[in-house]
Amino acid sequence: MQFGVLGSGIIGLTTALELQQQFPTAQVSIIADRFNEDTVSYVAAGIFRPGTSFMGPTQEITQQWMTDAFNYWDELRRSKESALAGVCQLSGYIFSRTTPSIVRNHFIEQLLPVYRRATEDELKLCHGGWKYGSFFTTCLTESRLFLPYATKKFLENGGQVLRQHVSNFFDVPQNFDVLLNCTGMGAKELCNDQHLVPIRGQVLKVRAPWIKTAFYGDLDTYVLPGFETVTLGGCRQYDSYNTEWCKYDSMAIKERCYDLLPSLKKAEIVRECVGLRPHRSVVRVEPELITNAQGRRLKLVHNYGHGGYGVTTAPGTAKYAVKVVRDMLAGNSKL
């Protein structure tokens, strides 16, 4: 059995590892032209906190993705490889002046070990006159560590990596039984998918070792401590393809984060990063059978469109995608 995985970001790597686990005798190849720091995953802050509008094909399937993903990250966090993999436990607050619904999250309130209403004293922890708040304990995955860790594990399991740009699904070698499409924004052209839209994000990575807790405020403001740096964000610019750093976004992020936690003013800025989140109103994880002009047929399983929640949900959608592969090979898929 031969499987090809297009894309080497967090979605592609978790999918490739899941394939190796479920099909231990199969040959799995990752095909990509960008790796590690050249992927959008590398920029991600990586906190397990999905957006409440995140949606798979059904509510039940979406919740299963969340449960499977959290269990994966939490199990890795508890393992002796947690530091190598870049996974740790993190607690934090989400505050709002607008409405109590902003600080609620139906996906994770019953899933995380702690998710509770913030006390009146806790609402005063940060500047801003906050009216509503929640405290939660979750996992954080530092992609800068996890991507090379997962790649090493994939190779140790006998996986192959092919560096190749793919502009057509039929560009890939012909020996794959199933090809899995984990190309993120690349799927827009590969699949001619008009539902896939970039949401531009920009963050600052700063050195602030005294920050041990995550904080979210209104207007997409967040402070997320990682292994070596703290991520300050952010912005969500719909349908923007601008991959250049913008000084005005940087100024706005600093102003909001410094207002939230004034001690950040003395933090050294290590780097500024930009990424285009591959957003789709319904994340696409489904099979497809395609045929080219020469009559060659190809079995595909798509797994893309996670927006800003790729790190959060990757292990969950990977597990589901590999189940779709198994159904496809057994002739049970709805094609």
Protein backbone atom coordinates (compact mmCIF):
# COMPACT_ATOMS: atom_id res chain seq x y z
CA MET A 1 0.00 0.00 0.00
CA GLN A 2 1.33 3.42 -0.97
CA PHE A 3 0.04 6.77 0.30
CA GLY A 4 1.05 10.27 -0.74
CA VAL A 5 0.50 13.33 1.46
CA LEU A 6 0.62 16.73 -0.21
CA GLY A 7 1.81 19.41 2.24
CA SER A 8 4.24 19.39 5.15
CA GLY A 9 2.60 21.81 7.56
CA ILE A 10 0.93 20.66 10.76
CA ILE A 11 -2.04 19.16 8.86
CA GLY A 12 0.16 17.17 6.46
CA LEU A 13 2.51 15.91 9.17
CA THR A 14 -0.19 14.78 11.60
CA THR A 15 -2.03 13.10 8.72
CA ALA A 16 1.14 11.30 7.58
CA LEU A 17 1.85 10.09 11.14
CA GLU A 18 -1.74 8.87 11.53
CA LEU A 19 -1.45 6.95 8.24
CA GLN A 20 1.72 5.26 9.52
CA GLN A 21 -0.03 4.32 12.74
CA GLN A 22 -3.17 2.93 11.07
CA PHE A 23 -1.38 1.28 8.12
CA PRO A 24 1.98 0.17 9.63
CA THR A 25 3.09 -1.81 6.55
CA ALA A 26 2.26 0.95 4.05
CA GLN A 27 4.78 3.29 2.42
CA VAL A 28 3.88 6.93 3.17
CA SER A 29 5.45 9.83 1.26
CA ILE A 30 5.15 13.54 2.00
CA ILE A 31 5.34 15.70 -1.13
CA ALA A 32 5.92 19.43 -0.60
CA ASP A 33 7.99 22.39 -1.70
CA ARG A 34 7.93 24.16 1.70
CA PHE A 35 9.04 22.82 5.05
CA ASN A 36 9.26 23.95 8.71
CA GLU A 37 9.87 27.72 8.83
CA ASP A 38 8.44 28.19 5.32
CA THR A 39 5.01 26.91 6.35
CA VAL A 40 2.14 28.94 7.86
CA SER A 41 2.10 26.48 10.79
CA TYR A 42 5.53 27.76 11.88
CA VAL A 43 4.07 31.22 12.67
CA ALA A 44 1.14 29.89 14.73
CA ALA A 45 0.99 30.53 18.48
CA GLY A 46 -0.45 27.02 18.78
CA ILE A 47 -2.83 27.29 21.75
CA PHE A 48 -5.64 24.74 21.87
CA ARG A 49 -8.59 27.10 21.76
CA PRO A 50 -10.78 26.71 18.65
CA GLY A 51 -12.95 29.53 17.37
CA THR A 52 -16.63 28.94 18.08
CA SER A 53 -17.48 29.35 14.36
CA PHE A 54 -15.11 26.54 13.32
CA MET A 55 -17.17 23.99 11.41
CA GLY A 56 -16.78 20.57 9.88
CA PRO A 57 -19.47 18.70 7.91
CA THR A 58 -21.69 18.29 11.02
CA GLN A 59 -21.68 19.55 14.60
CA GLU A 60 -21.16 16.00 15.89
CA ILE A 61 -18.14 15.37 13.64
CA THR A 62 -16.66 18.77 14.53
CA GLN A 63 -16.90 18.04 18.25
CA GLN A 64 -15.27 14.65 17.67
CA TRP A 65 -12.37 16.40 15.90
CA MET A 66 -11.94 18.65 18.94
CA THR A 67 -12.03 15.74 21.39
CA ASP A 68 -9.56 13.65 19.37
CA ALA A 69 -7.23 16.62 18.87
CA PHE A 70 -7.16 17.62 22.54
CA ASN A 71 -6.59 14.03 23.65
CA TYR A 72 -3.65 13.78 21.20
CA TRP A 73 -2.00 16.99 22.44
CA ASP A 74 -2.69 16.22 26.09
CA GLU A 75 -1.27 12.68 25.79
CA LEU A 76 1.85 14.08 24.12
CA ARG A 77 2.10 16.73 26.86
CA ARG A 78 2.08 13.98 29.50
CA SER A 79 4.75 11.93 27.70
CA LYS A 80 8.50 12.09 28.24
CA GLU A 81 8.84 13.61 24.75
CA SER A 82 6.74 16.68 25.56
CA ALA A 83 9.69 19.11 25.64
CA LEU A 84 11.10 17.76 22.35
CA ALA A 85 7.65 17.94 20.74
CA GLY A 86 7.08 21.46 22.07
CA VAL A 87 3.83 20.69 23.90
CA CYS A 88 3.05 22.07 27.36
CA GLN A 89 0.14 22.96 29.59
CA LEU A 90 -0.94 26.60 29.70
CA SER A 91 -3.61 28.45 31.66
CA GLY A 92 -5.12 31.76 30.65
CA TYR A 93 -7.91 34.28 30.73
CA ILE A 94 -10.23 35.61 28.06
CA PHE A 95 -11.75 39.01 28.85
CA SER A 96 -14.38 41.13 27.13
CA ARG A 97 -16.17 44.42 27.66
CA THR A 98 -18.75 43.57 24.99
CA THR A 99 -20.80 40.47 25.73
CA PRO A 100 -20.56 37.35 27.94
CA SER A 101 -20.88 35.07 24.88
CA ILE A 102 -17.36 36.10 23.74
CA VAL A 103 -15.78 34.45 26.79
CA ARG A 104 -17.72 31.18 26.31
CA ASN A 105 -16.67 28.29 24.07
CA HIS A 106 -19.06 25.36 23.54
CA PHE A 107 -16.33 23.18 22.00
CA ILE A 108 -14.04 23.10 25.01
CA GLU A 109 -15.98 24.02 28.16
CA GLN A 110 -16.60 20.32 28.88
CA LEU A 111 -13.36 19.12 27.26
CA LEU A 112 -10.62 21.06 29.04
CA PRO A 113 -9.64 20.16 32.62
CA VAL A 114 -10.62 23.69 33.73
CA TYR A 115 -12.99 26.19 32.11
CA ARG A 116 -14.78 28.51 34.52
CA ARG A 117 -16.07 32.05 34.93
CA ALA A 118 -13.46 34.59 36.07
CA THR A 119 -13.97 36.09 39.52
CA GLU A 120 -14.43 39.82 40.11
CA ASP A 121 -10.84 40.03 41.35
CA GLU A 122 -9.56 38.24 38.25
CA LEU A 123 -11.35 40.73 36.00
CA LYS A 124 -9.07 43.39 37.49
CA LEU A 125 -5.84 41.49 36.71
CA CYS A 126 -5.44 43.39 33.44
CA HIS A 127 -6.07 46.99 32.47
CA GLY A 128 -9.25 47.56 30.46
CA GLY A 129 -12.27 47.63 32.74
CA TRP A 130 -13.34 44.10 31.80
CA LYS A 131 -16.96 43.07 32.45
CA TYR A 132 -16.83 39.40 31.47
CA GLY A 133 -14.15 36.75 31.70
CA SER A 134 -13.28 33.07 31.73
CA PHE A 135 -10.30 31.16 33.07
CA PHE A 136 -9.17 27.95 31.36
CA THR A 137 -6.33 25.41 31.30
CA THR A 138 -5.33 23.96 27.94
CA CYS A 139 -2.37 22.78 25.83
CA LEU A 140 0.05 24.84 23.78
CA THR A 141 2.05 23.44 20.86
CA GLU A 142 5.12 25.32 19.69
CA SER A 143 5.20 24.55 15.95
CA ARG A 144 8.85 25.60 15.74
CA LEU A 145 9.58 22.50 17.84
CA PHE A 146 6.74 20.20 16.82
CA LEU A 147 7.27 20.36 13.04
CA PRO A 148 10.88 19.06 13.13
CA TYR A 149 9.92 16.57 15.88
CA ALA A 150 7.06 15.18 13.77
CA THR A 151 9.23 15.09 10.63
CA LYS A 152 11.93 13.12 12.47
CA LYS A 153 9.34 10.69 13.80
CA PHE A 154 7.84 10.29 10.31
CA LEU A 155 11.26 9.50 8.80
CA GLU A 156 12.14 7.09 11.62
CA ASN A 157 8.90 5.24 10.85
CA GLY A 158 10.14 4.69 7.28
CA GLY A 159 8.42 7.66 5.66
CA GLN A 160 9.82 9.41 2.60
CA VAL A 161 9.94 13.14 1.84
CA LEU A 162 9.85 14.35 -1.78
CA ARG A 163 10.60 18.00 -2.47
CA GLN A 164 8.35 18.87 -5.39
CA HIS A 165 5.98 21.67 -6.37
CA VAL A 166 2.63 20.23 -7.41
CA SER A 167 0.34 22.36 -9.57
CA ASN A 168 -1.85 19.45 -10.69
CA PHE A 169 -2.80 16.31 -8.76
CA PHE A 170 -1.63 14.19 -11.69
CA ASP A 171 1.91 15.62 -11.38
CA VAL A 172 2.55 13.17 -8.55
CA PRO A 173 4.00 9.67 -9.11
CA GLN A 174 1.43 7.14 -10.31
CA ASN A 175 1.97 4.51 -7.64
CA PHE A 176 -0.16 6.00 -4.85
CA ASP A 177 -3.27 4.10 -3.81
CA VAL A 178 -4.62 7.27 -2.21
CA LEU A 179 -3.36 10.86 -2.27
CA LEU A 180 -4.17 13.12 0.70
CA ASN A 181 -4.45 16.83 0.00
CA CYS A 182 -3.19 18.84 3.00
CA THR A 183 -2.03 21.89 1.04
CA GLY A 184 -3.75 24.68 2.99
CA MET A 185 -3.98 27.80 0.82
CA GLY A 186 -2.41 25.81 -2.04
CA ALA A 187 -5.73 24.02 -2.42
CA LYS A 188 -7.30 27.21 -3.79
CA GLU A 189 -5.56 26.66 -7.14
CA LEU A 190 -5.12 22.89 -6.95
CA CYS A 191 -8.86 22.38 -6.41
CA ASN A 192 -10.07 25.65 -7.95
CA ASP A 193 -11.81 26.12 -4.59
CA GLN A 194 -13.49 29.52 -4.44
CA HIS A 195 -14.65 28.83 -0.87
CA LEU A 196 -11.05 28.95 0.40
CA VAL A 197 -10.06 32.44 1.50
CA PRO A 198 -6.86 33.74 3.15
CA ILE A 199 -7.21 35.48 6.51
CA ARG A 200 -4.02 37.42 7.01
CA GLY A 201 -2.45 37.41 10.44
CA GLN A 202 0.52 39.26 11.90
CA VAL A 203 2.18 38.65 15.27
CA LEU A 204 5.21 39.76 17.25
CA LYS A 205 7.44 37.32 19.10
CA VAL A 206 8.96 38.96 22.17
CA ARG A 207 11.21 37.89 25.01
CA ALA A 208 9.18 38.23 28.22
CA PRO A 209 9.98 35.26 30.49
CA TRP A 210 7.95 36.76 33.35
CA ILE A 211 4.70 36.16 31.41
CA LYS A 212 3.47 32.68 32.41
CA THR A 213 -0.26 33.07 31.68
CA ALA A 214 -2.20 33.60 28.44
CA PHE A 215 -4.47 36.63 28.06
CA TYR A 216 -7.12 37.43 25.45
CA GLY A 217 -8.92 40.76 25.13
CA ASP A 218 -11.32 42.32 22.65
CA LEU A 219 -10.35 43.22 19.05
CA ASP A 220 -8.32 40.03 18.49
CA THR A 221 -5.83 40.98 21.19
CA TYR A 222 -3.80 38.16 22.71
CA VAL A 223 -0.64 37.46 24.70
CA LEU A 224 0.45 33.82 24.55
CA PRO A 225 3.64 32.60 26.28
CA GLY A 226 5.52 29.82 24.48
CA PHE A 227 8.73 27.89 25.15
CA GLU A 228 11.17 30.71 24.33
CA THR A 229 9.11 33.72 23.33
CA VAL A 230 5.70 35.29 23.95
CA THR A 231 3.38 35.81 20.97
CA LEU A 232 1.61 39.16 20.78
CA GLY A 233 -1.31 39.49 18.38
CA GLY A 234 -3.10 39.98 16.33
CA CYS A 235 -5.19 40.74 13.28
CA ARG A 236 -7.60 38.90 10.97
CA GLN A 237 -7.70 40.48 7.53
CA TYR A 238 -10.21 38.66 5.36
CA ASP A 239 -9.23 37.95 1.74
CA SER A 240 -5.82 39.63 2.10
CA TYR A 241 -2.89 38.07 0.26
CA ASN A 242 -0.32 40.47 1.72
CA THR A 243 2.57 38.44 3.15
CA GLU A 244 4.67 41.54 3.91
CA TRP A 245 5.08 42.82 7.46
CA CYS A 246 2.99 45.98 8.05
CA LYS A 247 4.23 48.63 10.48
CA TYR A 248 0.69 49.89 11.15
CA ASP A 249 -0.53 46.45 12.20
CA SER A 250 2.56 46.15 14.38
CA MET A 251 1.83 49.49 16.07
CA ALA A 252 -1.80 48.51 16.71
CA ILE A 253 -0.82 45.12 18.17
CA LYS A 254 1.76 46.70 20.47
CA GLU A 255 -0.66 49.39 21.64
CA ARG A 256 -3.40 46.86 22.51
CA CYS A 257 -1.05 44.35 24.16
CA TYR A 258 0.85 47.03 26.10
CA ASP A 259 -2.49 48.40 27.36
CA LEU A 260 -3.43 44.89 28.47
CA LEU A 261 -0.08 44.15 30.15
CA PRO A 262 2.09 47.29 30.55
CA SER A 263 5.15 45.22 31.58
CA LEU A 264 5.42 44.09 27.93
CA LYS A 265 6.76 47.54 27.01
CA LYS A 266 10.19 46.45 28.25
CA ALA A 267 10.12 43.15 26.30
CA GLU A 268 12.68 42.71 23.52
CA ILE A 269 11.09 42.11 20.10
CA VAL A 270 12.69 38.99 18.62
CA ARG A 271 10.87 38.87 15.29
CA GLU A 272 7.65 39.78 13.52
CA CYS A 273 5.78 37.20 11.46
CA VAL A 274 3.02 37.19 8.87
CA GLY A 275 0.91 34.23 7.75
CA LEU A 276 -2.15 33.62 5.57
CA ARG A 277 -4.61 31.37 7.38
CA PRO A 278 -6.43 29.05 4.92
CA HIS A 279 -10.05 29.70 5.90
CA ARG A 280 -13.06 27.78 4.66
CA SER A 281 -16.52 28.21 6.19
CA VAL A 282 -16.77 24.40 6.30
CA VAL A 283 -13.40 22.67 6.71
CA ARG A 284 -13.01 20.19 3.86
CA VAL A 285 -12.24 16.62 4.91
CA GLU A 286 -13.81 14.34 2.32
CA PRO A 287 -13.02 11.87 -0.48
CA GLU A 288 -12.98 12.59 -4.21
CA LEU A 289 -12.32 10.43 -7.25
CA ILE A 290 -10.84 12.36 -10.19
CA THR A 291 -10.03 11.34 -13.76
CA ASN A 292 -7.75 13.16 -16.22
CA ALA A 293 -8.02 13.45 -20.02
CA GLN A 294 -5.93 10.29 -20.47
CA GLY A 295 -8.34 8.30 -18.32
CA ARG A 296 -6.04 8.01 -15.31
CA ARG A 297 -8.04 7.84 -12.09
CA LEU A 298 -6.86 9.10 -8.72
CA LYS A 299 -8.33 8.58 -5.27
CA LEU A 300 -8.09 11.76 -3.21
CA VAL A 301 -8.89 12.62 0.38
CA HIS A 302 -8.95 16.35 1.09
CA ASN A 303 -7.97 17.78 4.48
CA TYR A 304 -7.71 21.57 4.36
CA GLY A 305 -9.38 24.88 5.20
CA HIS A 306 -8.69 24.98 8.97
CA GLY A 307 -8.19 28.77 9.06
CA GLY A 308 -6.42 29.93 12.21
CA TYR A 309 -7.10 26.63 14.01
CA GLY A 310 -4.82 24.21 12.16
CA VAL A 311 -2.59 23.46 15.15
CA THR A 312 -5.64 23.16 17.43
CA THR A 313 -7.53 20.67 15.28
CA ALA A 314 -4.85 18.92 13.16
CA PRO A 315 -4.72 15.57 15.03
CA GLY A 316 -8.53 15.37 15.04
CA THR A 317 -9.00 15.99 11.33
CA ALA A 318 -6.01 13.71 10.59
CA LYS A 319 -7.72 10.84 12.41
CA TYR A 320 -10.95 11.50 10.52
CA ALA A 321 -9.17 11.81 7.16
CA VAL A 322 -7.45 8.45 7.65
CA LYS A 323 -10.83 6.89 8.52
CA VAL A 324 -12.11 8.30 5.19
CA VAL A 325 -9.09 6.65 3.50
CA ARG A 326 -9.96 3.30 5.09
CA ASP A 327 -13.61 3.61 4.00
CA MET A 328 -12.49 4.58 0.50
CA LEU A 329 -10.25 1.51 0.18
CA ALA A 330 -13.04 -0.71 1.52
CA GLY A 331 -15.48 0.76 -1.00
CA ASN A 332 -17.66 2.32 1.72
CA SER A 333 -17.07 6.01 0.92
CA LYS A 334 -19.88 8.19 -0.38
CA LEU A 335 -18.51 9.03 -3.83
